[in-house]
Protein backbone atom coordinates (compact mmCIF):
# COMPACT_ATOMS: atom_id res chain seq x y z
CA MET A 1 98.35 78.00 119.42
CA SER A 2 95.33 77.41 116.75
CA LYS A 3 95.23 74.31 114.35
CA ASN A 4 93.55 76.16 112.04
CA LEU A 5 94.81 77.54 108.78
CA ASN A 6 92.21 79.54 106.81
CA PHE A 7 93.83 82.80 106.98
CA ILE A 8 91.71 84.20 103.53
CA THR A 9 92.92 80.93 102.34
CA PHE A 10 96.66 82.34 101.05
CA LYS A 11 98.63 78.84 101.52
CA HIS A 12 95.74 77.12 99.19
CA ASN A 13 95.77 79.83 96.82
CA ASN A 14 99.56 80.48 96.47
CA ILE A 15 99.25 83.94 96.72
CA CYS A 16 102.17 84.08 98.74
CA MET A 17 104.30 85.73 96.25
CA SER A 18 103.41 89.66 96.96
CA LEU A 19 102.76 89.16 100.53
CA ASP A 20 105.08 88.85 103.87
CA ILE A 21 105.24 86.18 105.98
CA ARG A 22 108.05 87.26 108.76
CA LEU A 23 109.62 85.13 111.34
CA LEU A 24 109.55 85.45 115.04
CA LYS A 25 112.53 84.30 115.58
CA ALA A 26 114.81 85.45 112.78
CA THR A 27 117.95 83.64 113.88
CA SER A 28 116.32 80.54 113.64
CA HIS A 29 114.39 78.41 111.32
CA HIS A 30 114.43 75.17 109.59
CA GLN A 31 116.26 73.51 113.10
CA ASN A 32 115.06 70.79 114.44
CA GLN A 33 111.50 72.10 113.97
CA PRO A 34 108.68 68.89 113.62
CA THR A 35 106.56 68.21 111.22
CA LEU A 36 102.61 70.05 111.55
CA LYS A 37 101.52 66.00 111.84
CA LYS A 38 103.96 65.81 114.80
CA TYR A 39 103.02 69.60 116.45
CA TYR A 40 99.33 67.92 116.49
CA THR A 41 100.09 65.13 118.62
CA ILE A 42 102.45 67.48 121.17
CA LEU A 43 99.55 69.86 121.33
CA ASP A 44 97.79 67.03 122.03
CA GLN A 45 99.93 65.64 125.22
CA ILE A 46 100.00 69.31 126.17
CA ASN A 47 95.71 69.62 126.48
CA THR A 48 95.32 66.03 128.08
CA ILE A 49 98.06 66.86 130.73
CA ARG A 50 96.81 69.44 131.38
CA ASP A 51 93.31 68.55 131.65
CA LYS A 52 94.29 65.76 134.26
CA VAL A 53 95.67 69.12 136.78
CA LYS A 54 92.58 69.94 136.25
CA LYS A 55 90.89 67.30 137.16
CA HIS A 56 93.34 66.88 140.14
CA GLU A 57 93.94 63.87 138.79
CA ALA A 58 97.55 62.66 139.87
CA LEU A 59 100.25 62.68 136.82
CA THR A 60 102.47 59.27 136.42
CA ASN A 61 106.30 59.68 135.82
CA LYS A 62 105.23 58.95 131.32
CA ASP A 63 103.11 61.98 132.36
CA ILE A 64 105.36 64.10 133.95
CA THR A 65 108.39 62.88 130.97
CA VAL A 66 106.20 64.08 128.33
CA TRP A 67 105.05 66.82 130.17
CA ASN A 68 108.61 67.71 130.09
CA ASN A 69 109.69 66.81 126.23
CA THR A 70 107.30 68.43 125.21
CA ASN A 71 107.59 72.15 126.61
CA ARG A 72 111.17 71.84 125.62
CA ILE A 73 110.10 71.17 121.70
CA VAL A 74 107.45 74.08 122.23
CA GLN A 75 109.72 76.60 123.74
CA ASN A 76 112.65 76.26 120.39
CA LEU A 77 109.75 76.58 118.22
CA ASN A 78 109.73 79.07 115.55
CA THR A 79 106.98 80.58 114.01
CA ALA A 80 105.41 83.55 112.30
CA THR A 81 103.34 86.55 111.63
CA PHE A 82 101.60 87.19 107.75
CA ARG A 83 101.76 90.66 107.67
CA VAL A 84 100.00 93.43 104.92
CA HIS A 85 101.92 97.05 104.55
CA LYS A 86 100.99 99.29 102.40
CA SER A 87 100.89 103.12 101.45
CA ILE A 88 97.90 104.52 102.94
CA PHE A 89 96.63 105.40 98.81
CA GLU A 90 95.32 101.65 99.27
CA PHE A 91 93.98 101.72 102.49
CA LYS A 92 90.69 100.66 101.80
CA TRP A 93 92.06 97.28 99.84
CA VAL A 94 93.94 96.86 103.13
CA GLU A 95 90.69 96.92 105.04
CA LEU A 96 89.22 94.73 102.54
CA LEU A 97 91.48 92.09 103.32
CA TYR A 98 91.36 92.35 106.61
CA ARG A 99 87.76 92.03 106.84
CA GLU A 100 88.65 89.12 105.37
CA SER A 101 90.85 87.33 106.98
CA ASP A 102 90.60 83.91 109.58
CA LYS A 103 89.52 85.69 113.02
CA ASP A 104 91.38 82.69 114.55
CA TYR A 105 94.33 84.93 114.61
CA ILE A 106 94.73 88.45 116.48
CA LEU A 107 95.37 91.13 113.84
CA LYS A 108 96.74 94.62 114.70
CA GLY A 109 95.97 97.07 111.91
CA PHE A 110 97.97 100.29 111.68
CA MET A 111 97.73 103.68 110.44
CA LYS A 112 101.40 105.71 110.86
CA PRO A 113 103.54 107.90 108.86
CA ILE A 114 106.80 106.66 107.10
CA LYS A 115 110.04 108.30 107.92
CA LYS A 116 110.68 111.83 107.70
CA GLY A 117 111.83 113.96 105.44
CA VAL A 118 110.04 112.46 102.43
CA ARG A 119 108.66 115.16 99.62
CA PRO A 120 105.43 116.66 100.40
CA ASP A 121 104.05 115.92 96.81
CA ARG A 122 104.60 112.61 98.16
CA LEU A 123 101.91 109.94 100.03
CA LYS A 124 103.11 110.25 103.50
CA TRP A 125 101.41 107.40 105.19
CA SER A 126 101.49 103.92 105.47
CA CYS A 127 98.59 101.72 106.43
CA GLY A 128 98.26 97.62 107.29
CA PHE A 129 97.76 95.06 109.35
CA ASP A 130 99.64 91.51 111.38
CA THR A 131 98.89 88.59 112.81
CA SER A 132 100.03 87.20 116.09
CA SER A 133 102.28 84.48 115.03
CA SER A 134 101.20 80.79 115.01
CA TYR A 135 103.31 77.53 113.45
CA GLN A 136 101.20 76.73 110.89
CA LEU A 137 102.87 80.51 109.19
CA PHE A 138 106.24 79.43 110.04
CA LEU A 139 105.81 75.95 107.80
CA ILE A 140 104.74 77.95 105.23
CA TRP A 141 107.28 80.55 105.63
CA LEU A 142 109.16 77.26 105.01
CA GLU A 143 107.96 76.56 101.50
CA TRP A 144 108.21 80.22 100.16
CA TYR A 145 111.19 81.43 101.73
CA THR A 146 115.13 80.17 101.86
CA LYS A 147 117.67 81.46 104.25
CA ASN A 148 121.42 81.11 103.88
CA GLY A 149 123.54 83.01 107.01
CA LYS A 150 121.57 86.86 107.02
CA LYS A 151 120.32 86.61 103.57
CA VAL A 152 116.67 86.01 103.09
CA LYS A 153 115.45 84.53 99.56
CA LYS A 154 112.20 84.50 97.94
CA ARG A 155 110.77 80.61 96.17
CA ILE A 156 108.56 78.74 94.25
CA PRO A 157 107.62 76.68 96.29
CA THR A 158 107.51 72.93 94.65
CA SER A 159 103.48 72.82 95.68
CA PHE A 160 102.63 75.43 93.25
CA THR A 161 101.49 73.64 90.04
CA LYS A 162 99.67 76.71 87.84
CA LEU A 163 98.17 80.14 88.31
CA THR A 164 95.28 81.04 88.85
CA PRO A 165 92.81 84.39 88.98
CA ASN A 166 93.23 84.17 92.35
CA ILE A 167 96.94 84.30 92.45
CA LEU A 168 97.42 86.42 89.12
CA LEU A 169 95.48 89.29 91.27
CA HIS A 170 96.58 89.34 94.46
CA TRP A 171 100.40 88.79 92.59
CA TYR A 172 99.94 92.17 90.36
CA ILE A 173 97.71 93.64 93.36
CA GLY A 174 100.91 93.73 95.48
CA ASP A 175 104.18 93.78 92.56
CA GLY A 176 102.58 94.49 89.74
CA THR A 177 102.89 97.80 87.47
CA ASN A 178 100.95 99.43 84.35
CA SER A 179 102.31 102.72 83.49
CA SER A 180 104.44 104.64 81.15
CA GLY A 181 104.00 101.58 78.40
CA THR A 182 104.59 98.63 80.92
CA LEU A 183 102.81 96.06 82.22
CA ALA A 184 104.88 93.94 84.68
CA LEU A 185 105.72 92.14 87.90
CA TYR A 186 108.40 92.80 89.59
CA THR A 187 110.13 89.21 89.95
CA PHE A 188 113.30 90.53 91.94
CA GLY A 189 113.43 88.57 94.69
CA PHE A 190 113.02 85.18 92.62
CA LYS A 191 116.18 83.12 91.57
CA LEU A 192 116.41 82.92 87.53
CA SER A 193 114.79 79.71 87.26
CA ASP A 194 112.16 80.15 89.50
CA GLN A 195 111.04 82.47 87.00
CA LYS A 196 111.48 80.68 83.88
CA ARG A 197 109.00 78.64 86.59
CA LEU A 198 106.91 81.95 86.04
CA ARG A 199 106.93 82.17 82.81
CA LYS A 200 106.04 79.14 81.96
CA ALA A 201 102.96 79.12 84.30
CA PHE A 202 102.14 82.54 81.93
CA LEU A 203 101.95 80.38 78.49
CA GLU A 204 99.79 77.91 80.14
CA ILE A 205 97.22 80.58 80.40
CA GLY A 206 98.14 81.88 76.95
CA VAL A 207 99.89 85.44 77.68
CA GLU A 208 103.28 85.65 76.65
CA THR A 209 106.12 87.61 78.70
CA GLU A 210 109.57 88.68 78.29
CA LEU A 211 112.43 88.48 80.94
CA ILE A 212 113.80 91.96 81.74
CA HIS A 213 117.24 92.49 82.91
CA LYS A 214 117.86 95.53 85.53
CA ARG A 215 120.92 96.14 87.75
CA GLY A 216 121.71 92.57 87.37
CA LYS A 217 118.56 91.11 88.31
CA TYR A 218 115.06 89.77 86.06
CA TYR A 219 111.60 90.86 86.16
CA ILE A 220 108.85 89.81 84.56
CA ARG A 221 106.99 92.27 81.78
CA ILE A 222 103.81 91.21 79.72
CA SER A 223 104.64 91.28 76.15
CA LYS A 224 103.25 94.13 74.47
CA GLY A 225 99.95 93.64 71.75
CA GLU A 226 96.88 94.39 72.66
CA GLU A 227 95.43 90.72 71.99
CA ASN A 228 98.78 89.84 74.93
CA VAL A 229 96.91 92.64 77.29
CA THR A 230 93.97 91.53 76.92
CA SER A 231 94.67 88.15 78.18
CA PHE A 232 96.54 89.33 81.05
CA PHE A 233 93.64 90.81 82.04
CA LYS A 234 90.70 88.68 81.12
CA PHE A 235 92.40 85.15 82.89
CA MET A 236 91.87 87.60 85.93
CA SER A 237 89.14 89.06 85.64
CA THR A 238 87.35 85.85 87.45
CA ALA A 239 89.04 86.53 90.67
CA LYS A 240 86.73 86.67 93.76
CA TYR A 241 88.31 90.54 94.72
CA TYR A 242 88.46 91.59 90.44
CA ASN A 243 85.84 93.78 90.91
CA LYS A 244 86.50 95.06 93.97
CA ALA A 245 90.68 96.05 93.01
CA ASN A 246 89.13 97.12 90.11
CA GLU A 247 87.29 100.10 92.02
CA LEU A 248 89.51 100.45 94.71
CA LEU A 249 92.43 100.52 92.59
CA PRO A 250 91.63 101.78 89.23
CA HIS A 251 95.09 103.04 87.83
CA LYS A 252 96.30 98.87 88.31
CA PHE A 253 93.68 98.29 85.39
CA ASP A 254 93.48 101.70 83.12
CA ARG A 255 96.71 102.72 81.37
CA ASP A 256 95.67 106.10 80.87
CA LEU A 257 94.71 107.01 84.49
CA LYS A 258 97.54 108.04 86.17
CA LYS A 259 98.11 107.24 89.72
CA GLN A 260 98.95 111.03 90.88
CA GLU A 261 95.09 111.95 89.92
CA ILE A 262 94.03 109.16 92.27
CA VAL A 263 96.10 110.56 94.81
CA ASN A 264 95.23 114.19 94.58
CA LYS A 265 91.44 113.16 94.92
CA LEU A 266 92.66 111.28 98.19
CA ARG A 267 94.08 114.15 99.12
CA THR A 268 90.94 116.46 99.28
CA GLU A 269 88.62 113.44 100.32
CA HIS A 270 91.30 112.51 103.27
CA PRO A 271 93.25 115.48 103.76
CA GLU A 272 93.78 113.40 107.50
CA TYR A 273 95.75 110.46 106.07
CA PHE A 274 98.33 112.79 105.19
CA ASP A 275 98.26 115.26 108.89
CA GLU A 276 100.95 114.09 110.90
CA THR A 277 99.08 115.46 113.99
CA ALA A 278 95.64 113.50 113.58
CA ASP A 279 94.74 110.63 115.64
CA LEU A 280 94.63 107.40 112.74
CA SER A 281 95.16 104.59 115.27
CA TRP A 282 93.42 101.69 113.50
CA ASP A 283 92.35 99.05 116.52
CA LEU A 284 90.75 96.34 114.18
CA TYR A 285 90.22 93.87 117.18
């Protein structure tokens, strides 16, 4: 159980808005979970006793009590995994995120067909990677998600204070659209009060937005106007992977470029991506 939490610096850059952290135990989340400091103390206690055993030293009654108590806590811990699951269309972007991720986590990649019956003109393959589970990722889950019964909802954590270029880039790539005259971020998963916080954060970077109501939910649309749209892209242009995102996902940055053009090119250059008989296993250990 690693103490390290540098996984692409997701926590520190607050870019979980469009990314996916899953609980290992879906039915258990907040109950009796220790703080991170307490968790580290537990690991140290376990390691100390293990070292005694390796050296064939006698264990005291206190050692045995500590061992039993700490192991009971560990057995009841909830953990979480981080995952990136995308269409095969975004394979190169997924691969980039994988290459830049923290190798302290065990990572397992995949490429596979999505469920049967998809129209032949649609993308038929998906790709992605999952990490091993950890308690640190569970603590991030607690910040970004809330659970009421079986329902899990996203929320903006209190630690979020402002938008940064890195936050906006990953958020936009994950949940943004730039087509049919609409530049928007699909924030349907957040409650209205959180969306208002996000709109305020946009105003602070000089970008005006609108709250659009659709089917009982809301999402954020970047207000039209060349100057406002330019401000949106200019702000995120200093993000670490902006140029790479522009290269790999050009339709996100050029409204006149149709996604279908990119799909057709992908079909020509990589027909195996759409062949259900092809061996496209992606073992990235």
